[in-house]
Structures are given as C-alpha cells and as structure tokens.
Amino acid sequence: MTCVQAGKSEGVNLPTTLIDGIKTRYEVIGSGPPLLMYSPAGFDATLDKWTTQGVYARIKLLDHLPKKYTCIIFDRRETGQSGGRVERITWAHYVAQGKGLLDHLNFKRAHLMGGCMGCCSVIAFGVAYPDAVLSMEPRGGPWASVIRNDRAFADSYAKEDVGKYKQLVTGMCRTLFDRDTSPGAEPEDMLRLDIPALVIPGRDASHATSAARYLEECLPRAEYWDVLPDGQTEETAPARLLEFLDKATAGAR
C-alpha cells in the first residue's frame, strides 16, 4: 500500500478501484489503525474537501491524524474523479462504496469519520456492518462530476428519458432526505448499536446543532463534544479526535 504525505497529493495520479462496477478514486495517508473518512460537502464530496472546505480547512485534520492512523479518503461516487450510475441512490449505495474500499484495501475493521452528508453515510454504515466498525465520528445535480469527467457516461446520460429521470430524482429526495434531522439510519436501529461514537456539532444554515443532539440521544455509546464550530480549531479538534480514537482503539483490543 502506497502512502502519500498529507497535503502532497495535488497533481499526483491517485489510485482507483472498481466497486460495484463504479470507479472510486482514493488516497491512503499515514499509518496505524484504519480510519475511513467520508468527505464533507453535499453532491460534491471530493477527497480534497478535508483540506479545503470550511472548518476542515481551519482544523487541518490531515496534518495530524495520519501521524497515528491510516487515513483513507476518497471521492464519493458521483463526485470528483469517481464514477457513477444513473439510479435511485440511497445511503446504502454510499455504504457499499466505503465497505468495498475497505475490502479492496484488506481492512476488516476501521474507524469511521464523516462530515456533512458523510455523517449520514457513517451512521448507515454502522447499522449495516456493526462488526466492521471500531468507532464512529459523525460531524454534523448528483451526477455533475461524472458528466464532466466521463464522456461515455455523459453520452448515456443525455439519452435518459426525461420523464423517468424526473421520477428518479424525486424518489432520491425521499430516500436520502426523509426527515428534518440527520438521515442515514432509523433511530430504532441506531439505538441497538454497540459502537463508540464521537458527535461533533455544527451550527449554520445547513448543519443544525439539534441534529448533533439527535445523534447523541440515538447512539447509546455516544460522546458529545460540546464545542461549537468557532471553538473547533487546529489546536482543539485534532487533539479531541485523537483522544477518542486512541480510547476506541484500545477498547477494541
């Protein structure tokens, strides 16, 4: 397995693998227990968002976590240089991509971290594959990237039946965003999980603090870091995450 120093991947041809017939671009950084990181952002959740977007650019997780953990970052399907497929996407599709990537890298268990929509994927992953999860750290036009990067996909996309396409996209709204708080898994399923979780709140128009409190209430082994984004800095956030990861790793031995 080739590891690239954090922040040094710009211009590097990163590896790809096929998962369920769809290309996934990924990068492995650092060494230690595996940490699968579902990128922040919405339908543009590329691996670089861990260093360029909002609070993540400020707290610089990839300058710190790879010193003790094998950080696995990737372009979520339908974003960046990963491929896609025109279908009704559910959280299970994003879970399958992450699980397939772990299988490709020969990791049977991993810590999971997610930002923004990645948070929902982390929770759904925990429900689907609890035995493969060491811990969870959820932080509070889907085909545009594939159209831009894959000519064959773009040609096929242009031939889609408009009526069926509208029906598919309408259905995706129900399968991905079916509630007024954090989606991804049913509360009854989360209440059964025996997985350590660190919940870190957001506070803006897209990331309600109440959604973080909802996860705290639904996850029996959740720790809630009661620090709002203004207090989440490079000095505080990586240290808190490493403290949690180290404790969860020790508890899994």
Protein backbone atom coordinates (compact mmCIF):
# COMPACT_ATOMS: atom_id res chain seq x y z
CA MET A 1 0.00 0.00 0.00
CA THR A 2 1.42 3.36 -1.02
CA CYS A 3 1.00 6.26 1.38
CA VAL A 4 1.27 9.90 0.37
CA GLN A 5 2.16 12.66 2.81
CA ALA A 6 -0.81 14.78 3.83
CA GLY A 7 -1.31 17.78 1.62
CA LYS A 8 1.08 16.46 -1.05
CA SER A 9 -1.39 14.77 -3.40
CA GLU A 10 -2.09 17.74 -5.69
CA GLY A 11 -1.09 16.80 -9.21
CA VAL A 12 -0.46 13.17 -8.20
CA ASN A 13 -2.28 10.43 -10.11
CA LEU A 14 -4.17 8.82 -7.25
CA PRO A 15 -5.17 5.16 -7.36
CA THR A 16 -8.63 3.98 -8.36
CA THR A 17 -10.56 0.77 -7.90
CA LEU A 18 -13.87 -0.60 -9.16
CA ILE A 19 -16.59 -1.05 -6.54
CA ASP A 20 -19.88 -2.49 -7.82
CA GLY A 21 -18.68 -1.62 -11.31
CA ILE A 22 -18.12 2.07 -10.46
CA LYS A 23 -14.69 3.68 -10.30
CA THR A 24 -13.61 5.08 -6.94
CA ARG A 25 -10.62 7.43 -6.63
CA TYR A 26 -8.96 7.26 -3.22
CA GLU A 27 -5.85 8.11 -1.24
CA VAL A 28 -4.22 6.43 1.75
CA ILE A 29 -2.33 8.72 4.10
CA GLY A 30 -0.31 7.80 7.19
CA SER A 31 -0.02 4.57 9.14
CA GLY A 32 -1.73 2.89 12.08
CA PRO A 33 -5.28 1.62 12.60
CA PRO A 34 -7.51 2.37 9.57
CA LEU A 35 -9.77 5.44 9.55
CA LEU A 36 -12.27 5.59 6.66
CA MET A 37 -13.21 9.23 6.05
CA TYR A 38 -16.45 10.08 4.20
CA SER A 39 -15.79 13.54 2.73
CA PRO A 40 -17.76 16.60 3.83
CA ALA A 41 -19.99 18.60 1.44
CA GLY A 42 -23.12 17.62 -0.46
CA PHE A 43 -23.09 16.30 -4.01
CA ASP A 44 -19.50 17.50 -4.45
CA ALA A 45 -17.91 15.42 -1.66
CA THR A 46 -14.40 15.02 -3.07
CA LEU A 47 -11.42 13.90 -1.03
CA ASP A 48 -9.81 17.36 -1.14
CA LYS A 49 -12.69 18.79 0.91
CA TRP A 50 -10.90 17.53 4.02
CA THR A 51 -8.31 20.27 3.44
CA THR A 52 -10.24 22.98 1.57
CA GLN A 53 -13.77 23.26 2.94
CA GLY A 54 -14.90 25.48 5.81
CA VAL A 55 -13.97 24.33 9.28
CA TYR A 56 -11.91 21.43 7.89
CA ALA A 57 -9.50 23.81 6.20
CA ARG A 58 -9.06 25.51 9.57
CA ILE A 59 -8.58 22.48 11.82
CA LYS A 60 -6.24 20.64 9.38
CA LEU A 61 -7.12 17.09 10.39
CA LEU A 62 -4.88 15.57 7.72
CA ASP A 63 -1.87 17.31 9.23
CA HIS A 64 -2.44 15.45 12.49
CA LEU A 65 -4.48 12.23 12.22
CA PRO A 66 -2.13 10.42 9.78
CA LYS A 67 0.64 10.52 12.40
CA LYS A 68 -1.22 7.77 14.27
CA TYR A 69 -3.86 6.44 11.87
CA THR A 70 -4.12 5.17 8.30
CA CYS A 71 -6.48 7.78 6.84
CA ILE A 72 -8.47 6.58 3.82
CA ILE A 73 -10.03 9.45 1.88
CA PHE A 74 -11.96 9.14 -1.38
CA ASP A 75 -14.18 10.87 -3.90
CA ARG A 76 -17.71 9.72 -3.09
CA ARG A 77 -19.42 8.11 -6.08
CA GLU A 78 -20.81 10.72 -8.49
CA THR A 79 -18.20 13.26 -7.33
CA GLY A 80 -14.69 14.26 -8.36
CA GLN A 81 -12.85 11.61 -10.35
CA SER A 82 -15.04 8.75 -9.14
CA GLY A 83 -17.64 7.33 -11.48
CA GLY A 84 -21.38 6.99 -11.16
CA ARG A 85 -24.57 5.41 -12.38
CA VAL A 86 -27.98 6.92 -13.04
CA GLU A 87 -30.13 5.16 -10.46
CA ARG A 88 -32.16 5.96 -7.37
CA ILE A 89 -29.36 6.44 -4.87
CA THR A 90 -29.86 5.62 -1.19
CA TRP A 91 -27.50 5.75 1.79
CA ALA A 92 -26.93 2.04 1.22
CA HIS A 93 -25.14 2.87 -2.05
CA TYR A 94 -22.69 5.14 -0.22
CA VAL A 95 -22.20 2.49 2.47
CA ALA A 96 -21.41 -0.09 -0.21
CA GLN A 97 -18.74 2.17 -1.69
CA GLY A 98 -17.00 2.62 1.66
CA LYS A 99 -17.24 -1.07 2.57
CA GLY A 100 -15.95 -2.04 -0.87
CA LEU A 101 -12.98 0.28 -0.45
CA LEU A 102 -12.11 -1.27 2.91
CA ASP A 103 -12.35 -4.73 1.35
CA HIS A 104 -10.12 -3.63 -1.52
CA LEU A 105 -7.51 -2.43 0.98
CA ASN A 106 -7.86 -5.61 3.07
CA PHE A 107 -9.13 -3.89 6.20
CA LYS A 108 -11.70 -5.97 8.11
CA ARG A 109 -12.48 -3.25 10.66
CA ALA A 110 -11.99 0.51 10.69
CA HIS A 111 -12.85 3.70 12.49
CA LEU A 112 -15.33 5.82 10.51
CA MET A 113 -15.46 9.60 10.19
CA GLY A 114 -17.84 11.72 8.16
CA GLY A 115 -18.54 15.39 7.59
CA CYS A 116 -21.80 16.97 6.39
CA MET A 117 -23.58 14.32 4.23
CA GLY A 118 -20.72 11.98 5.10
CA CYS A 119 -22.12 11.86 8.63
CA CYS A 120 -25.24 10.09 7.35
CA SER A 121 -23.15 7.55 5.46
CA VAL A 122 -21.18 6.79 8.64
CA ILE A 123 -24.34 6.12 10.65
CA ALA A 124 -25.83 3.97 7.86
CA PHE A 125 -22.54 2.03 7.64
CA GLY A 126 -22.61 1.36 11.38
CA VAL A 127 -26.13 -0.06 11.15
CA ALA A 128 -25.32 -2.20 8.10
CA TYR A 129 -21.90 -3.51 9.23
CA PRO A 130 -21.55 -3.04 13.01
CA ASP A 131 -18.86 -5.74 13.29
CA ALA A 132 -16.67 -3.84 10.79
CA VAL A 133 -16.76 -0.56 12.74
CA LEU A 134 -14.28 0.28 15.51
CA SER A 135 -15.83 3.68 16.21
CA MET A 136 -17.82 6.45 14.52
CA GLU A 137 -17.15 10.19 14.35
CA PRO A 138 -20.13 11.77 12.54
CA ARG A 139 -19.88 15.53 12.00
CA GLY A 140 -22.93 17.21 11.75
CA GLY A 141 -27.35 17.81 -9.51
CA PRO A 142 -25.77 14.42 -8.11
CA TRP A 143 -24.18 13.36 -11.44
CA ALA A 144 -22.50 16.63 -12.44
CA SER A 145 -18.94 15.46 -11.68
CA VAL A 146 -19.31 12.21 -13.63
CA ILE A 147 -20.77 14.03 -16.64
CA ARG A 148 -17.77 16.37 -16.58
CA ASN A 149 -15.15 13.61 -16.27
CA ASP A 150 -16.57 10.62 -18.17
CA ARG A 151 -17.52 11.13 -21.83
CA ALA A 152 -19.24 7.75 -22.16
CA PHE A 153 -21.34 8.45 -19.07
CA ALA A 154 -22.22 11.92 -20.37
CA ASP A 155 -23.38 10.49 -23.70
CA SER A 156 -25.54 7.89 -21.93
CA TYR A 157 -26.88 10.50 -19.51
CA ALA A 158 -28.00 12.74 -22.38
CA LYS A 159 -30.14 9.89 -23.73
CA GLU A 160 -32.06 9.37 -20.48
CA ASP A 161 -35.84 9.59 -20.73
CA VAL A 162 -36.76 12.96 -19.20
CA GLY A 163 -39.93 11.71 -17.53
CA LYS A 164 -38.23 8.71 -15.95
CA TYR A 165 -35.29 10.89 -14.90
CA LYS A 166 -37.57 13.35 -13.08
CA GLN A 167 -39.28 10.44 -11.33
CA LEU A 168 -35.91 9.01 -10.28
CA VAL A 169 -34.64 12.31 -8.85
CA THR A 170 -37.92 12.87 -7.00
CA GLY A 171 -37.55 9.42 -5.49
CA MET A 172 -33.98 10.18 -4.42
CA CYS A 173 -35.24 13.10 -2.36
CA ARG A 174 -37.35 10.68 -0.35
CA THR A 175 -34.64 8.05 0.04
CA LEU A 176 -31.85 10.45 1.05
CA PHE A 177 -33.61 13.34 2.83
CA ASP A 178 -36.63 11.83 4.52
CA ARG A 179 -36.67 13.81 7.80
CA ASP A 180 -35.96 17.20 9.34
CA THR A 181 -32.89 15.97 11.22
CA SER A 182 -29.89 13.78 10.41
CA PRO A 183 -30.90 10.99 7.96
CA GLY A 184 -28.99 7.83 7.15
CA ALA A 185 -30.48 5.28 9.56
CA GLU A 186 -33.63 4.75 11.58
CA PRO A 187 -33.43 5.78 15.25
CA GLU A 188 -34.56 2.30 16.34
CA ASP A 189 -31.56 0.79 14.51
CA MET A 190 -29.13 3.31 15.98
CA LEU A 191 -30.37 2.60 19.50
CA ARG A 192 -29.20 -1.01 19.09
CA LEU A 193 -25.62 -0.14 18.13
CA ASP A 194 -22.78 -1.02 20.48
CA ILE A 195 -20.22 1.23 18.76
CA PRO A 196 -18.31 4.12 20.37
CA ALA A 197 -19.25 7.41 18.71
CA LEU A 198 -17.99 10.97 18.98
CA VAL A 199 -20.57 13.55 17.91
CA ILE A 200 -19.24 16.99 16.96
CA PRO A 201 -21.86 19.71 16.40
CA GLY A 202 -22.23 22.22 13.60
CA ARG A 203 -24.15 25.47 13.68
CA ASP A 204 -25.15 27.10 10.41
CA ALA A 205 -27.98 27.08 7.88
CA SER A 206 -27.06 23.57 6.69
CA HIS A 207 -25.82 22.00 9.93
CA ALA A 208 -28.20 22.36 12.87
CA THR A 209 -26.87 21.74 16.36
CA SER A 210 -30.12 19.92 17.09
CA ALA A 211 -29.14 17.22 14.56
CA ALA A 212 -25.98 16.53 16.57
CA ARG A 213 -28.01 16.28 19.78
CA TYR A 214 -30.37 13.87 17.99
CA LEU A 215 -27.43 11.58 17.19
CA GLU A 216 -26.19 11.84 20.77
CA GLU A 217 -29.58 10.65 22.01
CA CYS A 218 -29.86 7.80 19.49
CA LEU A 219 -26.34 6.35 19.82
CA PRO A 220 -26.00 4.56 23.20
CA ARG A 221 -22.20 4.94 23.39
CA ALA A 222 -22.01 8.48 22.07
CA GLU A 223 -19.71 11.14 23.47
CA TYR A 224 -20.84 14.68 22.66
CA TRP A 225 -18.12 17.29 22.24
CA ASP A 226 -19.97 20.37 23.38
CA VAL A 227 -17.91 22.85 21.39
CA LEU A 228 -19.45 24.90 18.59
CA PRO A 229 -17.56 25.44 15.31
CA ASP A 230 -15.93 28.71 16.41
CA GLY A 231 -14.16 26.76 19.14
CA GLN A 232 -13.14 23.90 16.86
CA THR A 233 -9.58 24.88 15.95
CA GLU A 234 -6.38 23.16 14.85
CA GLU A 235 -5.32 23.18 18.50
CA THR A 236 -8.55 21.66 19.90
CA ALA A 237 -10.22 19.47 17.23
CA PRO A 238 -7.40 17.07 16.21
CA ALA A 239 -6.46 16.54 19.86
CA ARG A 240 -10.07 15.69 20.80
CA LEU A 241 -10.41 13.32 17.84
CA LEU A 242 -7.13 11.57 18.62
CA GLU A 243 -8.14 11.18 22.26
CA PHE A 244 -11.37 9.50 21.19
CA LEU A 245 -9.74 7.32 18.51
CA ASP A 246 -7.00 6.15 20.86
CA LYS A 247 -9.54 5.18 23.54
CA ALA A 248 -11.74 3.36 21.00
CA THR A 249 -8.73 1.54 19.53
CA ALA A 250 -7.57 0.41 22.97
CA GLY A 251 -11.07 -0.76 23.84
CA ALA A 252 -11.26 -2.93 20.70
CA ARG A 253 -8.17 -4.96 21.55
